[in-house]
Amino acid sequence: MAAVPALALVDSWPAAAILIILERVGKAIRNPPRDVMLSHAGKQVGGYGWVFGLHEALDQCGAMFGPLVVAAVLARHGSYQMAFAVLLVPALINLAFVLLARLLYPRPQDLETTPLAVRGSGLPRIFWIYLSGAMLVAAGFADYPIIAYHSAGRGR
């Protein structure tokens, strides 16, 4: 969470690239535990759908308002350093919420009730039809960049 605001402190593209890679690695590390915590909270708060829906809504608000705030700071001050420094505020708020959750729920695994017995009997036919269609769509998208590359004359 500190990598993006730290972009305000760098003055070279290699340092910025390292911070961007660190941000992506950090996101990959924190997403699975976050989803587990959300699933634990879902049983206590109002159901899985409500908790994941709330998380998605807040995520989309951040995805919309974050760039708008950065654009507003850039328009007002014209400084990328200031724009990235402003992103320290939501990072600190996020860290405060993580610490609060840690203090209120030091053992989140204790929130879990006994798991339900799950029985599997294979996947229905409609699943395989949907999967086949999704594979064909994905194959079409995968081929387009290759065709575009060769049609531009770069693949010769």
C-alpha atoms as a PDB file:
ATOM      1  CA  MET A   1       0.000   0.000   0.000  1.00  0.00           C
ATOM      2  CA  ALA A   2       2.959   2.283   0.453  1.00  0.00           C
ATOM      3  CA  ALA A   3       4.444   1.685  -3.002  1.00  0.00           C
ATOM      4  CA  VAL A   4       2.121   4.028  -4.920  1.00  0.00           C
ATOM      5  CA  PRO A   5       2.508   7.006  -2.549  1.00  0.00           C
ATOM      6  CA  ALA A   6       6.270   6.330  -2.589  1.00  0.00           C
ATOM      7  CA  LEU A   7       6.209   7.211  -6.299  1.00  0.00           C
ATOM      8  CA  ALA A   8       6.188  10.823  -5.093  1.00  0.00           C
ATOM      9  CA  LEU A   9       9.746  10.326  -3.842  1.00  0.00           C
ATOM     10  CA  VAL A  10      11.384   8.853  -6.950  1.00  0.00           C
ATOM     11  CA  ASP A  11      13.001  10.760  -9.781  1.00  0.00           C
ATOM     12  CA  SER A  12      13.907   8.007 -12.247  1.00  0.00           C
ATOM     13  CA  TRP A  13      11.897   5.529 -14.276  1.00  0.00           C
ATOM     14  CA  PRO A  14      13.742   2.417 -12.982  1.00  0.00           C
ATOM     15  CA  ALA A  15      12.835   3.336  -9.400  1.00  0.00           C
ATOM     16  CA  ALA A  16       9.237   3.977 -10.463  1.00  0.00           C
ATOM     17  CA  ALA A  17       9.134   0.623 -12.286  1.00  0.00           C
ATOM     18  CA  ILE A  18      10.370  -1.185  -9.172  1.00  0.00           C
ATOM     19  CA  LEU A  19       7.689   0.502  -7.054  1.00  0.00           C
ATOM     20  CA  ILE A  20       4.975  -0.403  -9.563  1.00  0.00           C
ATOM     21  CA  ILE A  21       6.145  -4.036  -9.554  1.00  0.00           C
ATOM     22  CA  LEU A  22       6.170  -3.992  -5.742  1.00  0.00           C
ATOM     23  CA  GLU A  23       2.610  -2.669  -5.754  1.00  0.00           C
ATOM     24  CA  ARG A  24       1.462  -5.489  -8.049  1.00  0.00           C
ATOM     25  CA  VAL A  25       3.244  -8.128  -5.927  1.00  0.00           C
ATOM     26  CA  GLY A  26       1.710  -6.634  -2.791  1.00  0.00           C
ATOM     27  CA  LYS A  27      -1.736  -6.821  -4.334  1.00  0.00           C
ATOM     28  CA  ALA A  28      -1.197 -10.468  -5.281  1.00  0.00           C
ATOM     29  CA  ILE A  29      -0.099 -11.257  -1.728  1.00  0.00           C
ATOM     30  CA  ARG A  30      -2.922  -9.448   0.063  1.00  0.00           C
ATOM     31  CA  ASN A  31      -5.891 -10.474  -2.124  1.00  0.00           C
ATOM     32  CA  PRO A  32      -6.260 -14.134  -1.026  1.00  0.00           C
ATOM     33  CA  PRO A  33      -6.170 -13.352   2.728  1.00  0.00           C
ATOM     34  CA  ARG A  34      -8.591 -10.481   2.127  1.00  0.00           C
ATOM     35  CA  ASP A  35     -11.044 -12.828   0.435  1.00  0.00           C
ATOM     36  CA  VAL A  36     -10.779 -15.261   3.345  1.00  0.00           C
ATOM     37  CA  MET A  37     -11.474 -12.465   5.825  1.00  0.00           C
ATOM     38  CA  LEU A  38     -14.453 -11.350   3.748  1.00  0.00           C
ATOM     39  CA  SER A  39     -15.839 -14.888   3.740  1.00  0.00           C
ATOM     40  CA  HIS A  40     -15.495 -15.072   7.528  1.00  0.00           C
ATOM     41  CA  ALA A  41     -17.208 -11.694   7.886  1.00  0.00           C
ATOM     42  CA  GLY A  42     -19.968 -12.741   5.503  1.00  0.00           C
ATOM     43  CA  LYS A  43     -21.372 -15.225   7.970  1.00  0.00           C
ATOM     44  CA  GLN A  44     -21.459 -12.660  10.756  1.00  0.00           C
ATOM     45  CA  VAL A  45     -22.672  -9.547   8.961  1.00  0.00           C
ATOM     46  CA  GLY A  46     -25.365 -10.290   6.426  1.00  0.00           C
ATOM     47  CA  GLY A  47     -24.375 -13.036   4.057  1.00  0.00           C
ATOM     48  CA  TYR A  48     -21.608 -13.652   1.551  1.00  0.00           C
ATOM     49  CA  GLY A  49     -23.291 -11.771  -1.264  1.00  0.00           C
ATOM     50  CA  TRP A  50     -23.806  -8.641   0.821  1.00  0.00           C
ATOM     51  CA  VAL A  51     -20.208  -8.583   2.065  1.00  0.00           C
ATOM     52  CA  PHE A  52     -18.652  -9.204  -1.348  1.00  0.00           C
ATOM     53  CA  GLY A  53     -21.081  -6.726  -2.933  1.00  0.00           C
ATOM     54  CA  LEU A  54     -20.134  -4.060  -0.388  1.00  0.00           C
ATOM     55  CA  HIS A  55     -16.453  -4.759  -0.991  1.00  0.00           C
ATOM     56  CA  GLU A  56     -16.911  -4.520  -4.762  1.00  0.00           C
ATOM     57  CA  ALA A  57     -18.888  -1.261  -4.430  1.00  0.00           C
ATOM     58  CA  LEU A  58     -16.192   0.302  -2.255  1.00  0.00           C
ATOM     59  CA  ASP A  59     -13.506  -0.975  -4.621  1.00  0.00           C
ATOM     60  CA  GLN A  60     -15.273   0.596  -7.597  1.00  0.00           C
ATOM     61  CA  CYS A  61     -15.679   3.902  -5.721  1.00  0.00           C
ATOM     62  CA  GLY A  62     -11.944   3.929  -5.070  1.00  0.00           C
ATOM     63  CA  ALA A  63     -11.232   3.036  -8.684  1.00  0.00           C
ATOM     64  CA  MET A  64     -13.373   5.953  -9.821  1.00  0.00           C
ATOM     65  CA  PHE A  65     -12.525   8.642  -7.266  1.00  0.00           C
ATOM     66  CA  GLY A  66      -8.798   7.852  -6.935  1.00  0.00           C
ATOM     67  CA  PRO A  67      -7.927   8.923 -10.494  1.00  0.00           C
ATOM     68  CA  LEU A  68     -10.277  11.899 -10.193  1.00  0.00           C
ATOM     69  CA  VAL A  69      -8.466  13.101  -7.069  1.00  0.00           C
ATOM     70  CA  VAL A  70      -5.097  12.622  -8.770  1.00  0.00           C
ATOM     71  CA  ALA A  71      -6.355  14.547 -11.824  1.00  0.00           C
ATOM     72  CA  ALA A  72      -7.658  17.352  -9.607  1.00  0.00           C
ATOM     73  CA  VAL A  73      -4.327  17.620  -7.781  1.00  0.00           C
ATOM     74  CA  LEU A  74      -2.476  17.612 -11.112  1.00  0.00           C
ATOM     75  CA  ALA A  75      -4.771  20.326 -12.464  1.00  0.00           C
ATOM     76  CA  ARG A  76      -4.321  22.476  -9.382  1.00  0.00           C
ATOM     77  CA  HIS A  77      -0.627  21.963  -8.619  1.00  0.00           C
ATOM     78  CA  GLY A  78       0.783  20.467 -11.829  1.00  0.00           C
ATOM     79  CA  SER A  79       3.017  18.173  -9.810  1.00  0.00           C
ATOM     80  CA  TYR A  80       3.085  14.408 -10.036  1.00  0.00           C
ATOM     81  CA  GLN A  81       4.941  14.289  -6.721  1.00  0.00           C
ATOM     82  CA  MET A  82       2.055  16.073  -5.009  1.00  0.00           C
ATOM     83  CA  ALA A  83      -0.513  13.883  -6.785  1.00  0.00           C
ATOM     84  CA  PHE A  84       1.155  10.674  -5.619  1.00  0.00           C
ATOM     85  CA  ALA A  85       1.756  12.098  -2.148  1.00  0.00           C
ATOM     86  CA  VAL A  86      -1.999  12.725  -1.795  1.00  0.00           C
ATOM     87  CA  LEU A  87      -2.506   8.974  -2.259  1.00  0.00           C
ATOM     88  CA  LEU A  88      -0.801   8.498   1.107  1.00  0.00           C
ATOM     89  CA  VAL A  89      -4.069   9.549   2.795  1.00  0.00           C
ATOM     90  CA  PRO A  90      -6.186   6.580   1.576  1.00  0.00           C
ATOM     91  CA  ALA A  91      -3.233   4.247   2.199  1.00  0.00           C
ATOM     92  CA  LEU A  92      -3.045   5.395   5.823  1.00  0.00           C
ATOM     93  CA  ILE A  93      -6.818   5.078   6.231  1.00  0.00           C
ATOM     94  CA  ASN A  94      -6.598   1.549   4.858  1.00  0.00           C
ATOM     95  CA  LEU A  95      -3.803   0.676   7.290  1.00  0.00           C
ATOM     96  CA  ALA A  96      -5.848   2.105  10.159  1.00  0.00           C
ATOM     97  CA  PHE A  97      -8.776  -0.139   9.232  1.00  0.00           C
ATOM     98  CA  VAL A  98      -6.485  -3.173   9.012  1.00  0.00           C
ATOM     99  CA  LEU A  99      -5.104  -2.420  12.484  1.00  0.00           C
ATOM    100  CA  LEU A 100      -8.612  -1.862  13.857  1.00  0.00           C
ATOM    101  CA  ALA A 101      -9.782  -5.183  12.423  1.00  0.00           C
ATOM    102  CA  ARG A 102      -6.727  -6.885  13.914  1.00  0.00           C
ATOM    103  CA  LEU A 103      -7.485  -5.413  17.337  1.00  0.00           C
ATOM    104  CA  LEU A 104     -11.196  -6.245  17.234  1.00  0.00           C
ATOM    105  CA  TYR A 105     -10.777  -9.725  15.733  1.00  0.00           C
ATOM    106  CA  PRO A 106      -7.320 -11.070  16.635  1.00  0.00           C
ATOM    107  CA  ARG A 107      -8.320 -14.632  15.678  1.00  0.00           C
ATOM    108  CA  PRO A 108     -10.593 -14.452  12.612  1.00  0.00           C
ATOM    109  CA  GLN A 109     -10.583 -18.227  12.274  1.00  0.00           C
ATOM    110  CA  ASP A 110     -12.662 -18.363  15.486  1.00  0.00           C
ATOM    111  CA  LEU A 111     -15.514 -16.699  13.604  1.00  0.00           C
ATOM    112  CA  GLU A 112     -15.818 -19.751  11.356  1.00  0.00           C
ATOM    113  CA  THR A 113     -18.528 -22.231  12.207  1.00  0.00           C
ATOM    114  CA  THR A 114     -18.325 -25.899  11.326  1.00  0.00           C
ATOM    115  CA  PRO A 115     -18.191 -26.345   7.560  1.00  0.00           C
ATOM    116  CA  LEU A 116     -21.145 -27.790   5.732  1.00  0.00           C
ATOM    117  CA  ALA A 117     -20.795 -31.206   4.157  1.00  0.00           C
ATOM    118  CA  VAL A 118     -20.352 -30.823   0.422  1.00  0.00           C
ATOM    119  CA  ARG A 119     -21.276 -33.584  -1.971  1.00  0.00           C
ATOM    120  CA  GLY A 120     -20.269 -33.537  -5.597  1.00  0.00           C
ATOM    121  CA  SER A 121     -21.830 -35.517  -8.391  1.00  0.00           C
ATOM    122  CA  GLY A 122     -20.188 -34.052 -11.456  1.00  0.00           C
ATOM    123  CA  LEU A 123     -20.873 -30.915 -13.387  1.00  0.00           C
ATOM    124  CA  PRO A 124     -24.095 -30.396 -15.354  1.00  0.00           C
ATOM    125  CA  ARG A 125     -24.226 -30.383 -19.138  1.00  0.00           C
ATOM    126  CA  ILE A 126     -24.940 -26.625 -19.248  1.00  0.00           C
ATOM    127  CA  PHE A 127     -21.576 -25.992 -17.565  1.00  0.00           C
ATOM    128  CA  TRP A 128     -19.707 -27.820 -20.336  1.00  0.00           C
ATOM    129  CA  ILE A 129     -21.639 -25.944 -23.033  1.00  0.00           C
ATOM    130  CA  TYR A 130     -20.807 -22.615 -21.356  1.00  0.00           C
ATOM    131  CA  LEU A 131     -17.164 -23.624 -20.931  1.00  0.00           C
ATOM    132  CA  SER A 132     -16.917 -24.573 -24.615  1.00  0.00           C
ATOM    133  CA  GLY A 133     -18.312 -21.201 -25.664  1.00  0.00           C
ATOM    134  CA  ALA A 134     -15.966 -19.336 -23.302  1.00  0.00           C
ATOM    135  CA  MET A 135     -12.987 -21.250 -24.722  1.00  0.00           C
ATOM    136  CA  LEU A 136     -13.953 -20.332 -28.279  1.00  0.00           C
ATOM    137  CA  VAL A 137     -14.316 -16.659 -27.327  1.00  0.00           C
ATOM    138  CA  ALA A 138     -10.943 -16.714 -25.541  1.00  0.00           C
ATOM    139  CA  ALA A 139      -9.307 -18.403 -28.523  1.00  0.00           C
ATOM    140  CA  GLY A 140     -10.661 -15.654 -30.789  1.00  0.00           C
ATOM    141  CA  PHE A 141      -9.242 -12.918 -28.583  1.00  0.00           C
ATOM    142  CA  ALA A 142      -5.887 -14.654 -28.312  1.00  0.00           C
ATOM    143  CA  ASP A 143      -5.536 -14.838 -32.087  1.00  0.00           C
ATOM    144  CA  TYR A 144      -6.449 -11.214 -32.820  1.00  0.00           C
ATOM    145  CA  PRO A 145      -3.201  -9.667 -31.495  1.00  0.00           C
ATOM    146  CA  ILE A 146      -1.171 -12.148 -33.541  1.00  0.00           C
ATOM    147  CA  ILE A 147      -3.147 -11.378 -36.707  1.00  0.00           C
ATOM    148  CA  ALA A 148      -2.876  -7.628 -36.077  1.00  0.00           C
ATOM    149  CA  TYR A 149       0.864  -7.908 -35.494  1.00  0.00           C
ATOM    150  CA  HIS A 150       1.423  -9.753 -38.769  1.00  0.00           C
ATOM    151  CA  SER A 151      -0.943  -7.583 -40.788  1.00  0.00           C
ATOM    152  CA  ALA A 152       0.968  -4.465 -39.710  1.00  0.00           C
ATOM    153  CA  GLY A 153       4.054  -5.877 -41.425  1.00  0.00           C
ATOM    154  CA  ARG A 154       6.053  -6.322 -38.227  1.00  0.00           C
ATOM    155  CA  GLY A 155       5.909 -10.102 -38.189  1.00  0.00           C
ATOM    156  CA  ARG A 156       8.033 -10.604 -41.301  1.00  0.00           C
END
